[in-house]
Amino acid sequence: MGVLLSIVLTLHNSVDDVTLIRRNIAAMKSSRMELVIIDDGSSDGTQNHLDGLAALWDRTKILRNTASVGVARARNYALSHVSGEYVWFVDSDDEWNAETALKALAKGQGADVVVARAQIVEGKQTRCLNPPPGRRLYGGSDMFEFLAHGAIHGYLWDKLFRRSILGKDPFAPLTSQSDFTGVIRVADKCPTLAGVDFLIYVHRLRRGSITQSKNPNLDNLVLCFELFQSMHERHNVSKNLVRYFSVWFVAIPAAFTPSRNGAPRETVVKGIRLAKALLRITALTSTWRYSKATFVRASIVRLAGPLVPSFYLTARRIKGVNIDK
């Protein structure tokens, strides 16, 4: 039988993750999977482990970039080498279960995109990302609306994509948020989508990761919003929902992320200014109808202004308060 699922694993200076990678590969059993490993110009000795990783699974392809081109370009390049009907993008420093991913596909009703359950672990806190209810097959503009509402996120690792729906070079070469550009471009094609309540991935937030960067590129949030905005009319997304998306996807992360990550003062100030500029043109009452929690966080940003960093960091220290959720 042919390859059903291609697992794309991108490496860059991942020598410390080799033990975890080996454990994830060792759990693979089905011959209907292939592993595509691309080393994106590592300089820490990662490349010395590639042959050993390939030996763990018969259907493994090793790709090498002599210099780093970034995760987005590396994934786009890897896509040209996959053989599977579906593609799953995984990271080197996380836990993933390929056998459960295959079970999710089997329950996915032949959908173009199968969204499964994942967990995000930060210290002692675990947050679950739940898929849309799996009672029916979604289609048309449903995936686009799920993204607008935040019912599904821009992460790649909780989604199994039909290879044909990804097209060529779906990921924009951004230093962050490139995942989202690929997901929104898929959503724009009105794919069929199924939600499956199988836990396939555990993402651990670690120092040094893109999401924990002390110099987050806030402009990438704006670029992603502009991409979303350029497509929304094709999907009959209301202006109020577009405004809500700008609040939860751009304004609140711009205001909170630099403070959370200990960014330089100029980045913190830039984030607050960006957030307040968006919130000045957004009626918060429209946010209330979609999410009361988002309304509260947006109100804090609008009212606290330059005091946002102090307020945010204090709230994070209060037991039982999850201002990030």
C-alpha atoms as a PDB file:
ATOM      1  CA  MET A   1       0.000   0.000   0.000  1.00  0.00           C
ATOM      2  CA  GLY A   2       1.113   3.567  -0.678  1.00  0.00           C
ATOM      3  CA  VAL A   3       2.144   6.208   1.818  1.00  0.00           C
ATOM      4  CA  LEU A   4      -0.835   7.728   3.602  1.00  0.00           C
ATOM      5  CA  LEU A   5       0.962  10.158   5.909  1.00  0.00           C
ATOM      6  CA  SER A   6       4.199  12.069   5.381  1.00  0.00           C
ATOM      7  CA  ILE A   7       5.671  13.467   8.585  1.00  0.00           C
ATOM      8  CA  VAL A   8       7.823  16.533   7.925  1.00  0.00           C
ATOM      9  CA  LEU A   9      10.377  17.182  10.668  1.00  0.00           C
ATOM     10  CA  THR A  10      12.436  20.371  10.372  1.00  0.00           C
ATOM     11  CA  LEU A  11      15.717  20.574  12.279  1.00  0.00           C
ATOM     12  CA  HIS A  12      17.951  23.541  13.009  1.00  0.00           C
ATOM     13  CA  ASN A  13      20.632  23.254  15.695  1.00  0.00           C
ATOM     14  CA  SER A  14      18.568  20.507  17.264  1.00  0.00           C
ATOM     15  CA  VAL A  15      21.316  18.330  18.725  1.00  0.00           C
ATOM     16  CA  ASP A  16      19.792  18.622  22.215  1.00  0.00           C
ATOM     17  CA  ASP A  17      16.523  17.204  20.887  1.00  0.00           C
ATOM     18  CA  VAL A  18      17.955  14.019  19.362  1.00  0.00           C
ATOM     19  CA  THR A  19      16.901  11.769  22.261  1.00  0.00           C
ATOM     20  CA  LEU A  20      13.309  13.011  22.086  1.00  0.00           C
ATOM     21  CA  ILE A  21      13.258  12.674  18.299  1.00  0.00           C
ATOM     22  CA  ARG A  22      14.487   9.098  18.546  1.00  0.00           C
ATOM     23  CA  ARG A  23      11.738   8.297  21.053  1.00  0.00           C
ATOM     24  CA  ASN A  24       9.055   9.769  18.768  1.00  0.00           C
ATOM     25  CA  ILE A  25      10.348   7.807  15.777  1.00  0.00           C
ATOM     26  CA  ALA A  26      10.649   4.581  17.783  1.00  0.00           C
ATOM     27  CA  ALA A  27       6.902   4.705  18.455  1.00  0.00           C
ATOM     28  CA  MET A  28       6.113   4.571  14.724  1.00  0.00           C
ATOM     29  CA  LYS A  29       4.756   1.197  13.575  1.00  0.00           C
ATOM     30  CA  SER A  30       2.634   1.481  10.434  1.00  0.00           C
ATOM     31  CA  SER A  31       4.293   1.075   7.034  1.00  0.00           C
ATOM     32  CA  ARG A  32       1.871   3.641   5.621  1.00  0.00           C
ATOM     33  CA  MET A  33       3.972   6.484   6.995  1.00  0.00           C
ATOM     34  CA  GLU A  34       7.119   8.153   5.733  1.00  0.00           C
ATOM     35  CA  LEU A  35       9.416  10.532   7.585  1.00  0.00           C
ATOM     36  CA  VAL A  36      10.912  13.513   5.771  1.00  0.00           C
ATOM     37  CA  ILE A  37      13.685  15.126   7.810  1.00  0.00           C
ATOM     38  CA  ILE A  38      15.155  18.409   6.630  1.00  0.00           C
ATOM     39  CA  ASP A  39      18.192  19.879   8.345  1.00  0.00           C
ATOM     40  CA  ASP A  40      18.127  23.636   7.846  1.00  0.00           C
ATOM     41  CA  GLY A  41      21.814  24.470   7.912  1.00  0.00           C
ATOM     42  CA  SER A  42      22.590  23.320  11.452  1.00  0.00           C
ATOM     43  CA  SER A  43      25.985  24.226  12.885  1.00  0.00           C
ATOM     44  CA  ASP A  44      25.868  22.375  16.214  1.00  0.00           C
ATOM     45  CA  GLY A  45      26.462  18.817  15.036  1.00  0.00           C
ATOM     46  CA  THR A  46      22.829  17.953  14.304  1.00  0.00           C
ATOM     47  CA  GLN A  47      23.869  16.758  10.842  1.00  0.00           C
ATOM     48  CA  ASN A  48      26.035  14.058  12.445  1.00  0.00           C
ATOM     49  CA  HIS A  49      22.875  12.380  13.765  1.00  0.00           C
ATOM     50  CA  LEU A  50      20.845  12.360  10.542  1.00  0.00           C
ATOM     51  CA  ASP A  51      21.927   8.928   9.326  1.00  0.00           C
ATOM     52  CA  GLY A  52      21.265   7.455  12.762  1.00  0.00           C
ATOM     53  CA  LEU A  53      17.744   8.904  12.770  1.00  0.00           C
ATOM     54  CA  ALA A  54      17.112   7.623   9.259  1.00  0.00           C
ATOM     55  CA  ALA A  55      18.133   4.108  10.364  1.00  0.00           C
ATOM     56  CA  LEU A  56      15.245   4.060  12.838  1.00  0.00           C
ATOM     57  CA  TRP A  57      12.585   4.109  10.093  1.00  0.00           C
ATOM     58  CA  ASP A  58      12.822   2.453   6.684  1.00  0.00           C
ATOM     59  CA  ARG A  59      10.808   5.104   4.880  1.00  0.00           C
ATOM     60  CA  THR A  60      12.941   8.117   5.739  1.00  0.00           C
ATOM     61  CA  LYS A  61      14.132  10.864   3.417  1.00  0.00           C
ATOM     62  CA  ILE A  62      16.962  13.146   4.518  1.00  0.00           C
ATOM     63  CA  LEU A  63      17.190  16.639   3.043  1.00  0.00           C
ATOM     64  CA  ARG A  64      19.974  19.088   3.794  1.00  0.00           C
ATOM     65  CA  ASN A  65      20.283  22.847   3.435  1.00  0.00           C
ATOM     66  CA  THR A  66      23.922  23.931   3.469  1.00  0.00           C
ATOM     67  CA  ALA A  67      22.853  27.265   4.984  1.00  0.00           C
ATOM     68  CA  SER A  68      19.793  28.113   7.025  1.00  0.00           C
ATOM     69  CA  VAL A  69      16.881  29.495   5.001  1.00  0.00           C
ATOM     70  CA  GLY A  70      14.343  29.598   7.844  1.00  0.00           C
ATOM     71  CA  VAL A  71      11.625  27.172   8.844  1.00  0.00           C
ATOM     72  CA  ALA A  72       9.069  28.411   6.292  1.00  0.00           C
ATOM     73  CA  ARG A  73      11.322  27.933   3.262  1.00  0.00           C
ATOM     74  CA  ALA A  74      12.577  24.637   4.673  1.00  0.00           C
ATOM     75  CA  ARG A  75       9.021  23.309   4.963  1.00  0.00           C
ATOM     76  CA  ASN A  76       8.135  24.537   1.483  1.00  0.00           C
ATOM     77  CA  TYR A  77      11.196  22.707   0.143  1.00  0.00           C
ATOM     78  CA  ALA A  78      10.332  19.524   2.045  1.00  0.00           C
ATOM     79  CA  LEU A  79       6.833  19.542   0.550  1.00  0.00           C
ATOM     80  CA  SER A  80       8.305  18.935  -2.891  1.00  0.00           C
ATOM     81  CA  HIS A  81       9.727  15.636  -1.593  1.00  0.00           C
ATOM     82  CA  VAL A  82       6.750  14.098   0.221  1.00  0.00           C
ATOM     83  CA  SER A  83       4.942  11.041  -1.132  1.00  0.00           C
ATOM     84  CA  GLY A  84       2.001  10.812   1.246  1.00  0.00           C
ATOM     85  CA  GLU A  85      -1.630  11.668   0.638  1.00  0.00           C
ATOM     86  CA  TYR A  86      -1.537  13.712   3.857  1.00  0.00           C
ATOM     87  CA  VAL A  87       1.185  15.807   5.469  1.00  0.00           C
ATOM     88  CA  TRP A  88       1.878  16.445   9.150  1.00  0.00           C
ATOM     89  CA  PHE A  89       4.402  19.095  10.228  1.00  0.00           C
ATOM     90  CA  VAL A  90       6.142  18.422  13.549  1.00  0.00           C
ATOM     91  CA  ASP A  91       8.900  20.121  15.542  1.00  0.00           C
ATOM     92  CA  SER A  92      12.052  18.601  16.935  1.00  0.00           C
ATOM     93  CA  ASP A  93      11.535  19.593  20.577  1.00  0.00           C
ATOM     94  CA  ASP A  94       7.961  18.353  21.017  1.00  0.00           C
ATOM     95  CA  GLU A  95       6.216  15.030  21.615  1.00  0.00           C
ATOM     96  CA  TRP A  96       4.194  13.590  18.743  1.00  0.00           C
ATOM     97  CA  ASN A  97       2.398  10.290  18.292  1.00  0.00           C
ATOM     98  CA  ALA A  98       2.346   9.136  14.681  1.00  0.00           C
ATOM     99  CA  GLU A  99       0.181   6.065  15.332  1.00  0.00           C
ATOM    100  CA  THR A 100      -2.523   8.208  16.931  1.00  0.00           C
ATOM    101  CA  ALA A 101      -2.277  10.605  13.997  1.00  0.00           C
ATOM    102  CA  LEU A 102      -3.090   7.703  11.671  1.00  0.00           C
ATOM    103  CA  LYS A 103      -6.105   6.843  13.825  1.00  0.00           C
ATOM    104  CA  ALA A 104      -7.206  10.467  13.578  1.00  0.00           C
ATOM    105  CA  LEU A 105      -7.028  10.240   9.786  1.00  0.00           C
ATOM    106  CA  ALA A 106      -9.120   7.074   9.862  1.00  0.00           C
ATOM    107  CA  LYS A 107     -11.796   8.931  11.829  1.00  0.00           C
ATOM    108  CA  GLY A 108     -11.475  12.047   9.684  1.00  0.00           C
ATOM    109  CA  GLN A 109     -14.167  11.133   7.134  1.00  0.00           C
ATOM    110  CA  GLY A 110     -11.764  11.723   4.236  1.00  0.00           C
ATOM    111  CA  ALA A 111     -11.567  15.446   4.987  1.00  0.00           C
ATOM    112  CA  ASP A 112      -8.948  17.673   3.369  1.00  0.00           C
ATOM    113  CA  VAL A 113      -7.920  18.902   6.821  1.00  0.00           C
ATOM    114  CA  VAL A 114      -8.188  16.826   9.985  1.00  0.00           C
ATOM    115  CA  VAL A 115      -7.823  18.806  13.211  1.00  0.00           C
ATOM    116  CA  ALA A 116      -6.935  16.733  16.273  1.00  0.00           C
ATOM    117  CA  ARG A 117      -6.335  17.537  19.930  1.00  0.00           C
ATOM    118  CA  ALA A 118      -3.057  18.990  21.191  1.00  0.00           C
ATOM    119  CA  GLN A 119      -1.624  20.291  24.436  1.00  0.00           C
ATOM    120  CA  ILE A 120       0.553  23.304  25.156  1.00  0.00           C
ATOM    121  CA  VAL A 121       2.691  22.917  28.266  1.00  0.00           C
ATOM    122  CA  GLU A 122       4.357  25.870  29.974  1.00  0.00           C
ATOM    123  CA  GLY A 123       5.999  24.967  33.247  1.00  0.00           C
ATOM    124  CA  LYS A 124       3.332  23.348  35.409  1.00  0.00           C
ATOM    125  CA  GLN A 125       0.440  24.657  33.329  1.00  0.00           C
ATOM    126  CA  THR A 126      -1.167  22.680  30.513  1.00  0.00           C
ATOM    127  CA  ARG A 127      -3.595  24.158  28.019  1.00  0.00           C
ATOM    128  CA  CYS A 128      -5.639  21.986  25.680  1.00  0.00           C
ATOM    129  CA  LEU A 129      -6.373  22.855  22.066  1.00  0.00           C
ATOM    130  CA  ASN A 130      -9.584  21.069  21.238  1.00  0.00           C
ATOM    131  CA  PRO A 131     -10.747  20.405  17.669  1.00  0.00           C
ATOM    132  CA  PRO A 132     -14.146  21.480  16.341  1.00  0.00           C
ATOM    133  CA  PRO A 133     -16.922  19.030  17.259  1.00  0.00           C
ATOM    134  CA  GLY A 134     -16.494  15.885  15.185  1.00  0.00           C
ATOM    135  CA  ARG A 135     -20.147  15.099  14.560  1.00  0.00           C
ATOM    136  CA  ARG A 136     -20.087  16.259  10.951  1.00  0.00           C
ATOM    137  CA  LEU A 137     -17.868  17.139   8.040  1.00  0.00           C
ATOM    138  CA  TYR A 138     -17.357  20.870   7.676  1.00  0.00           C
ATOM    139  CA  GLY A 139     -16.914  22.615   4.336  1.00  0.00           C
ATOM    140  CA  GLY A 140     -17.222  25.850   2.419  1.00  0.00           C
ATOM    141  CA  SER A 141     -16.061  28.783   4.535  1.00  0.00           C
ATOM    142  CA  ASP A 142     -16.283  26.911   7.853  1.00  0.00           C
ATOM    143  CA  MET A 143     -12.503  26.640   8.333  1.00  0.00           C
ATOM    144  CA  PHE A 144     -12.043  30.344   7.605  1.00  0.00           C
ATOM    145  CA  GLU A 145     -14.688  31.243  10.167  1.00  0.00           C
ATOM    146  CA  PHE A 146     -13.177  28.880  12.738  1.00  0.00           C
ATOM    147  CA  LEU A 147      -9.881  30.772  12.338  1.00  0.00           C
ATOM    148  CA  ALA A 148     -11.614  34.136  12.637  1.00  0.00           C
ATOM    149  CA  HIS A 149     -13.280  33.082  15.882  1.00  0.00           C
ATOM    150  CA  GLY A 150     -10.118  31.455  17.264  1.00  0.00           C
ATOM    151  CA  ALA A 151     -11.923  28.098  17.398  1.00  0.00           C
ATOM    152  CA  ILE A 152      -8.904  26.666  15.591  1.00  0.00           C
ATOM    153  CA  HIS A 153      -5.446  28.217  15.622  1.00  0.00           C
ATOM    154  CA  GLY A 154      -2.632  28.784  13.185  1.00  0.00           C
ATOM    155  CA  TYR A 155      -0.485  25.970  14.554  1.00  0.00           C
ATOM    156  CA  LEU A 156       0.477  23.259  12.082  1.00  0.00           C
ATOM    157  CA  TRP A 157       1.114  20.359  14.433  1.00  0.00           C
ATOM    158  CA  ASP A 158      -2.533  19.737  15.416  1.00  0.00           C
ATOM    159  CA  LYS A 159      -3.572  19.452  11.748  1.00  0.00           C
ATOM    160  CA  LEU A 160      -3.191  16.771   9.083  1.00  0.00           C
ATOM    161  CA  PHE A 161      -3.373  18.325   5.595  1.00  0.00           C
ATOM    162  CA  ARG A 162      -4.188  16.655   2.327  1.00  0.00           C
ATOM    163  CA  ARG A 163      -1.069  17.265   0.244  1.00  0.00           C
ATOM    164  CA  SER A 164      -3.001  18.617  -2.750  1.00  0.00           C
ATOM    165  CA  ILE A 165      -4.729  21.312  -0.676  1.00  0.00           C
ATOM    166  CA  LEU A 166      -1.410  22.801   0.456  1.00  0.00           C
ATOM    167  CA  GLY A 167      -0.325  23.777  -3.038  1.00  0.00           C
ATOM    168  CA  LYS A 168       3.165  25.094  -3.721  1.00  0.00           C
ATOM    169  CA  ASP A 169       5.091  27.180  -1.164  1.00  0.00           C
ATOM    170  CA  PRO A 170       2.153  27.771   1.225  1.00  0.00           C
ATOM    171  CA  PHE A 171       4.310  29.284   3.978  1.00  0.00           C
ATOM    172  CA  ALA A 172       5.395  32.916   3.758  1.00  0.00           C
ATOM    173  CA  PRO A 173       9.087  33.379   4.676  1.00  0.00           C
ATOM    174  CA  LEU A 174       8.481  35.221   7.950  1.00  0.00           C
ATOM    175  CA  THR A 175      10.573  34.935  11.116  1.00  0.00           C
ATOM    176  CA  SER A 176       7.374  34.135  13.019  1.00  0.00           C
ATOM    177  CA  GLN A 177       3.733  33.396  12.169  1.00  0.00           C
ATOM    178  CA  SER A 178       4.680  31.585   8.948  1.00  0.00           C
ATOM    179  CA  ASP A 179       2.527  28.670  10.144  1.00  0.00           C
ATOM    180  CA  PHE A 180      -0.531  30.898  10.139  1.00  0.00           C
ATOM    181  CA  THR A 181       0.054  32.067   6.578  1.00  0.00           C
ATOM    182  CA  GLY A 182      -0.076  28.470   5.391  1.00  0.00           C
ATOM    183  CA  VAL A 183      -3.184  27.646   7.423  1.00  0.00           C
ATOM    184  CA  ILE A 184      -5.102  30.728   6.233  1.00  0.00           C
ATOM    185  CA  ARG A 185      -4.181  30.000   2.608  1.00  0.00           C
ATOM    186  CA  VAL A 186      -5.551  26.491   3.010  1.00  0.00           C
ATOM    187  CA  ALA A 187      -8.722  27.869   4.614  1.00  0.00           C
ATOM    188  CA  ASP A 188      -9.174  30.232   1.669  1.00  0.00           C
ATOM    189  CA  LYS A 189      -9.542  27.175  -0.600  1.00  0.00           C
ATOM    190  CA  CYS A 190     -12.709  26.135   1.276  1.00  0.00           C
ATOM    191  CA  PRO A 191     -11.496  22.633   2.170  1.00  0.00           C
ATOM    192  CA  THR A 192     -13.533  19.992   3.897  1.00  0.00           C
ATOM    193  CA  LEU A 193     -12.561  19.751   7.573  1.00  0.00           C
ATOM    194  CA  ALA A 194     -13.128  17.247  10.350  1.00  0.00           C
ATOM    195  CA  GLY A 195     -12.445  17.488  14.067  1.00  0.00           C
ATOM    196  CA  VAL A 196     -11.181  14.357  15.816  1.00  0.00           C
ATOM    197  CA  ASP A 197     -10.765  14.134  19.578  1.00  0.00           C
ATOM    198  CA  PHE A 198      -7.461  12.239  19.588  1.00  0.00           C
ATOM    199  CA  LEU A 199      -4.414  13.694  21.350  1.00  0.00           C
ATOM    200  CA  ILE A 200      -1.616  13.641  18.782  1.00  0.00           C
ATOM    201  CA  TYR A 201       0.781  16.356  19.944  1.00  0.00           C
ATOM    202  CA  VAL A 202       2.296  17.941  23.046  1.00  0.00           C
ATOM    203  CA  HIS A 203       4.005  21.301  22.484  1.00  0.00           C
ATOM    204  CA  ARG A 204       6.307  22.513  25.240  1.00  0.00           C
ATOM    205  CA  LEU A 205       7.095  26.207  25.502  1.00  0.00           C
ATOM    206  CA  ARG A 206      10.822  26.572  26.087  1.00  0.00           C
ATOM    207  CA  ARG A 207      13.247  29.423  26.354  1.00  0.00           C
ATOM    208  CA  GLY A 208      14.802  30.207  23.015  1.00  0.00           C
ATOM    209  CA  SER A 209      11.790  29.135  20.949  1.00  0.00           C
ATOM    210  CA  ILE A 210      10.223  31.574  18.472  1.00  0.00           C
ATOM    211  CA  THR A 211       7.190  32.108  20.691  1.00  0.00           C
ATOM    212  CA  GLN A 212       9.460  32.963  23.618  1.00  0.00           C
ATOM    213  CA  SER A 213      11.740  35.340  21.690  1.00  0.00           C
ATOM    214  CA  LYS A 214      12.822  38.493  23.513  1.00  0.00           C
ATOM    215  CA  ASN A 215      12.593  40.327  20.197  1.00  0.00           C
ATOM    216  CA  PRO A 216       9.206  39.322  18.782  1.00  0.00           C
ATOM    217  CA  ASN A 217       8.567  40.717  15.317  1.00  0.00           C
ATOM    218  CA  LEU A 218       5.218  42.424  15.831  1.00  0.00           C
ATOM    219  CA  ASP A 219       5.072  43.432  12.178  1.00  0.00           C
ATOM    220  CA  ASN A 220       4.424  39.782  11.308  1.00  0.00           C
ATOM    221  CA  LEU A 221       1.145  39.916  13.238  1.00  0.00           C
ATOM    222  CA  VAL A 222       0.083  42.837  11.065  1.00  0.00           C
ATOM    223  CA  LEU A 223       1.137  41.051   7.876  1.00  0.00           C
ATOM    224  CA  CYS A 224      -0.945  38.016   8.837  1.00  0.00           C
ATOM    225  CA  PHE A 225      -3.938  40.211   9.639  1.00  0.00           C
ATOM    226  CA  GLU A 226      -3.618  41.919   6.255  1.00  0.00           C
ATOM    227  CA  LEU A 227      -3.563  38.487   4.574  1.00  0.00           C
ATOM    228  CA  PHE A 228      -6.685  37.506   6.493  1.00  0.00           C
ATOM    229  CA  GLN A 229      -8.333  40.817   5.630  1.00  0.00           C
ATOM    230  CA  SER A 230      -7.601  40.369   1.921  1.00  0.00           C
ATOM    231  CA  MET A 231      -9.568  37.116   1.914  1.00  0.00           C
ATOM    232  CA  HIS A 232     -12.472  37.685   4.290  1.00  0.00           C
ATOM    233  CA  GLU A 233     -14.988  39.030   1.783  1.00  0.00           C
ATOM    234  CA  ARG A 234     -14.828  35.802  -0.222  1.00  0.00           C
ATOM    235  CA  HIS A 235     -16.062  34.007   2.877  1.00  0.00           C
ATOM    236  CA  ASN A 236     -18.810  36.449   3.918  1.00  0.00           C
ATOM    237  CA  VAL A 237     -17.066  37.174   7.214  1.00  0.00           C
ATOM    238  CA  SER A 238     -18.710  40.184   8.835  1.00  0.00           C
ATOM    239  CA  LYS A 239     -16.810  43.393   9.585  1.00  0.00           C
ATOM    240  CA  ASN A 240     -17.460  42.857  13.291  1.00  0.00           C
ATOM    241  CA  LEU A 241     -15.821  39.444  13.146  1.00  0.00           C
ATOM    242  CA  VAL A 242     -12.844  40.917  11.272  1.00  0.00           C
ATOM    243  CA  ARG A 243     -12.489  43.521  14.026  1.00  0.00           C
ATOM    244  CA  TYR A 244     -12.709  40.817  16.668  1.00  0.00           C
ATOM    245  CA  PHE A 245      -9.970  38.879  14.884  1.00  0.00           C
ATOM    246  CA  SER A 246      -7.770  41.994  14.881  1.00  0.00           C
ATOM    247  CA  VAL A 247      -8.228  42.240  18.657  1.00  0.00           C
ATOM    248  CA  TRP A 248      -7.467  38.674  19.712  1.00  0.00           C
ATOM    249  CA  PHE A 249      -4.850  37.951  17.032  1.00  0.00           C
ATOM    250  CA  VAL A 250      -2.983  41.272  16.841  1.00  0.00           C
ATOM    251  CA  ALA A 251      -3.839  43.795  19.566  1.00  0.00           C
ATOM    252  CA  ILE A 252      -3.686  41.578  22.658  1.00  0.00           C
ATOM    253  CA  PRO A 253      -0.511  39.651  21.650  1.00  0.00           C
ATOM    254  CA  ALA A 254       1.160  42.932  20.644  1.00  0.00           C
ATOM    255  CA  ALA A 255       0.410  44.384  24.059  1.00  0.00           C
ATOM    256  CA  PHE A 256       1.234  41.351  26.206  1.00  0.00           C
ATOM    257  CA  THR A 257       3.849  39.213  24.411  1.00  0.00           C
ATOM    258  CA  PRO A 258       6.810  41.654  24.676  1.00  0.00           C
ATOM    259  CA  SER A 259       6.279  41.993  28.436  1.00  0.00           C
ATOM    260  CA  ARG A 260       5.862  38.230  28.878  1.00  0.00           C
ATOM    261  CA  ASN A 261       9.099  37.537  27.005  1.00  0.00           C
ATOM    262  CA  GLY A 262      11.172  40.267  28.636  1.00  0.00           C
ATOM    263  CA  ALA A 263      11.604  42.228  25.404  1.00  0.00           C
ATOM    264  CA  PRO A 264      13.527  45.532  25.245  1.00  0.00           C
ATOM    265  CA  ARG A 265      11.569  48.604  26.303  1.00  0.00           C
ATOM    266  CA  GLU A 266      11.290  49.919  22.735  1.00  0.00           C
ATOM    267  CA  THR A 267       9.587  46.674  21.654  1.00  0.00           C
ATOM    268  CA  VAL A 268       7.196  46.825  24.622  1.00  0.00           C
ATOM    269  CA  VAL A 269       6.284  50.422  23.770  1.00  0.00           C
ATOM    270  CA  LYS A 270       5.829  49.556  20.092  1.00  0.00           C
ATOM    271  CA  GLY A 271       3.471  46.724  21.022  1.00  0.00           C
ATOM    272  CA  ILE A 272       1.327  48.922  23.259  1.00  0.00           C
ATOM    273  CA  ARG A 273       1.094  51.607  20.566  1.00  0.00           C
ATOM    274  CA  LEU A 274       0.087  49.050  17.947  1.00  0.00           C
ATOM    275  CA  ALA A 275      -2.533  47.550  20.247  1.00  0.00           C
ATOM    276  CA  LYS A 276      -4.038  50.902  21.203  1.00  0.00           C
ATOM    277  CA  ALA A 277      -4.132  52.021  17.565  1.00  0.00           C
ATOM    278  CA  LEU A 278      -6.200  48.957  16.673  1.00  0.00           C
ATOM    279  CA  LEU A 279      -8.428  49.268  19.705  1.00  0.00           C
ATOM    280  CA  ARG A 280      -9.185  52.925  18.936  1.00  0.00           C
ATOM    281  CA  ILE A 281     -10.969  51.846  15.740  1.00  0.00           C
ATOM    282  CA  THR A 282     -12.670  48.812  17.243  1.00  0.00           C
ATOM    283  CA  ALA A 283     -15.906  48.957  19.224  1.00  0.00           C
ATOM    284  CA  LEU A 284     -15.244  46.733  22.216  1.00  0.00           C
ATOM    285  CA  THR A 285     -18.947  45.958  22.445  1.00  0.00           C
ATOM    286  CA  SER A 286     -18.540  43.899  19.264  1.00  0.00           C
ATOM    287  CA  THR A 287     -15.757  41.959  20.997  1.00  0.00           C
ATOM    288  CA  TRP A 288     -18.017  41.210  23.986  1.00  0.00           C
ATOM    289  CA  ARG A 289     -20.472  39.262  21.820  1.00  0.00           C
ATOM    290  CA  TYR A 290     -17.715  36.863  20.696  1.00  0.00           C
ATOM    291  CA  SER A 291     -15.648  36.489  23.877  1.00  0.00           C
ATOM    292  CA  LYS A 292     -16.065  38.113  27.264  1.00  0.00           C
ATOM    293  CA  ALA A 293     -12.501  37.170  28.245  1.00  0.00           C
ATOM    294  CA  THR A 294     -11.118  38.882  25.133  1.00  0.00           C
ATOM    295  CA  PHE A 295     -13.267  41.923  25.908  1.00  0.00           C
ATOM    296  CA  VAL A 296     -11.766  42.132  29.400  1.00  0.00           C
ATOM    297  CA  ARG A 297      -8.166  41.863  28.169  1.00  0.00           C
ATOM    298  CA  ALA A 298      -8.773  44.407  25.412  1.00  0.00           C
ATOM    299  CA  SER A 299     -10.334  46.794  27.928  1.00  0.00           C
ATOM    300  CA  ILE A 300      -7.265  46.469  30.150  1.00  0.00           C
ATOM    301  CA  VAL A 301      -4.998  47.395  27.241  1.00  0.00           C
ATOM    302  CA  ARG A 302      -7.158  50.359  26.266  1.00  0.00           C
ATOM    303  CA  LEU A 303      -7.450  51.718  29.807  1.00  0.00           C
ATOM    304  CA  ALA A 304      -4.038  50.884  31.274  1.00  0.00           C
ATOM    305  CA  GLY A 305      -1.957  52.296  28.420  1.00  0.00           C
ATOM    306  CA  PRO A 306       1.693  52.561  29.512  1.00  0.00           C
ATOM    307  CA  LEU A 307       0.872  50.621  32.685  1.00  0.00           C
ATOM    308  CA  VAL A 308       0.039  47.489  30.672  1.00  0.00           C
ATOM    309  CA  PRO A 309       3.429  45.783  31.348  1.00  0.00           C
ATOM    310  CA  SER A 310       3.161  46.231  35.128  1.00  0.00           C
ATOM    311  CA  PHE A 311      -0.478  45.161  35.190  1.00  0.00           C
ATOM    312  CA  TYR A 312       0.174  42.136  32.973  1.00  0.00           C
ATOM    313  CA  LEU A 313       3.192  40.854  34.905  1.00  0.00           C
ATOM    314  CA  THR A 314       1.386  41.319  38.231  1.00  0.00           C
ATOM    315  CA  ALA A 315      -1.676  39.422  36.944  1.00  0.00           C
ATOM    316  CA  ARG A 316       0.525  36.525  35.814  1.00  0.00           C
ATOM    317  CA  ARG A 317       1.839  36.139  39.371  1.00  0.00           C
ATOM    318  CA  ILE A 318      -1.630  35.869  40.913  1.00  0.00           C
ATOM    319  CA  LYS A 319      -2.612  32.271  41.518  1.00  0.00           C
ATOM    320  CA  GLY A 320      -5.732  31.241  39.639  1.00  0.00           C
ATOM    321  CA  VAL A 321      -5.512  34.109  37.142  1.00  0.00           C
ATOM    322  CA  ASN A 322      -4.670  33.196  33.549  1.00  0.00           C
ATOM    323  CA  ILE A 323      -4.476  36.476  31.683  1.00  0.00           C
ATOM    324  CA  ASP A 324      -2.997  34.743  28.615  1.00  0.00           C
ATOM    325  CA  LYS A 325      -5.949  32.433  28.075  1.00  0.00           C
END
